[in-house]
Structure formats: structure tokens, C-alpha cells
Amino acid sequence: FFAFEGFRVITNTAEDMDDPGKLMLKSMMVAIILVMVLYVAVTFAVFGNLPLPEIIKAQDYALAEAAKPAFGHIGFTIMAVAALISTASSINANLYAVTNVTYQMAKNGELPKVYKRNVWHSSEGLIVSTVILIAFVLFFDLTEIAAIGSISILFIHALVHIGHLFKIKDTKASKFLIVLAIVTIAVAIVLALNYTSKHIPDVGYFIAGGFVLAFIIEIVLRLMTHRVITKQTNTSLIENIENEIKNFIGEK
């Protein structure tokens, strides 16, 4: 699941497409099929060159290790460099997505105005996000960041699909596929939490804390800026909570 969930980033290129209605689905399907073929080919290559014990031993760099028997140390180095380039490409793709999403959210009044300022033809929000990410990388274990990030993305996917159910009359999407996606993601979340908790016992607390912190920051920003999110679904629950907070602050 985690090998393919990154393809969601393609949807963030919609505003740069001439005809996203036709091109979006085609681009996603072509990309997924190509990568599926590549993954299977790489798997055969690795298992064809290395016995299982060595693959397990070199699990973090198995692909580079698999190049050794045929190409020696040079092959190992080439594959290691290719892995770094691939990682950089993935980071750039995600930063591109962050730029588009945060910029649009800022224009809609859902984020501070700083996120829609431009610096050197790029969103200032991208710089803010990058600085925060660098701080995480410097002060937290990379394995924990990857695990927490992946599971958090699953939760966000689930919320997006649940929100889609409220707008299904507008999108005319398949209700069966949306519900199937929600159920599948829920199963993936349970499996991921079960596996990750064996290595990071507090992973559940980290994720829950992150969502609580995000919710608090959202309320504070809206109280400070008086900016209103455009209503797309029933937001009465959030409005009631905000009114209670305002009344509480007023009483104090």
C-alpha cells in the first residue's frame, strides 16, 4: 500500500493540466502500471542475484547489494547514487504538492496569508513548511518520522473519502468505490499501527497528539484572523466548539 499511496500527488497537478478531466485518470493509470512492471522486474532481479538471507541482512540497501555480483563495487555505487536521486525526486514531488495545496488553502482563507506570498516565483508557504520539516529531521529519528508520516497520511486519506461522501451528489462518483476505499484504508491503518507499535510503542500517542495539535492551531488561527472557511459540508460541530471557546474566553 505504501509503495503506491504516493501517486495521490499526481492529483495536485490538476491546475497545471490543460484538460484534467481527461488527462488525470490517464496519467495516474499509466504511471501506476509502469511502476508495477518496474517493481516486479526489480524484485526478480534482486532474488535472482542474492539468496534470501543476504537480502534480509541488506534490507535497507538490498537493491544496491544485488548489483554487486554482476557489476562489483561500481554497480553498488551506481545503485546507491540512483537511490539518492530517486529520493530527491520524491521529495521534490511532495514539496510541489505542498506548495499547490497550501497556496490554494491560503487563498480560501484556511491558512495564514503568509502561505500565499511569492518568493522567487515560489510560495513562501513552501519555505515555511521546509524549515519545519528540516527541524523534524534534525531532532527526530528518521524511522519514526517515516512511520508516523505514513500512518498520518492514511488517516488523511480516510477523512478525504469520508468528506467526499458529503459531496457525492456534486461529483457523481461511485459510492461503492468510495466506501470500499474507506474500508480498505481503515484496514491498512489497523495493520500499520499493529506493526509499527512493535517497534515504536508510542506511535499511537504521537499521531493522536499531532491531530489534536493541528486542531488547536486551526481554532487559534481562525479566532486570531477572523477568517472563515467556505462551507462545503455540515460544519455545525466545529462552529459549536468555536462558539463555546469564544464564550469561555469572553467570560475570562
Foldseek 3Di string as FASTA:
>chain_A
DLVLPLLVLLVLCCVVDPCCVPVVVVVSVVVVVVVVVVVVVLVCLLVVQDPPVVCVVPVVQSSLVSLCVPPNPVSSVVSVVVVVVVVVVSVVSVLSSVLSVQLVCVVQQQDPVQQVDDDPNGGSVSVVVVVVVVVCPVPHDPVLVVLLVSLLVLVVLLVVLVLCVQVCVVVVDDPVVSVVSNVVSVVVNVVSCVVVCVVVVCSVVVNVVVVVVVLVVSLVVCVVVVGDHDDDGDPVVVVVVSVVVVVVVVVD
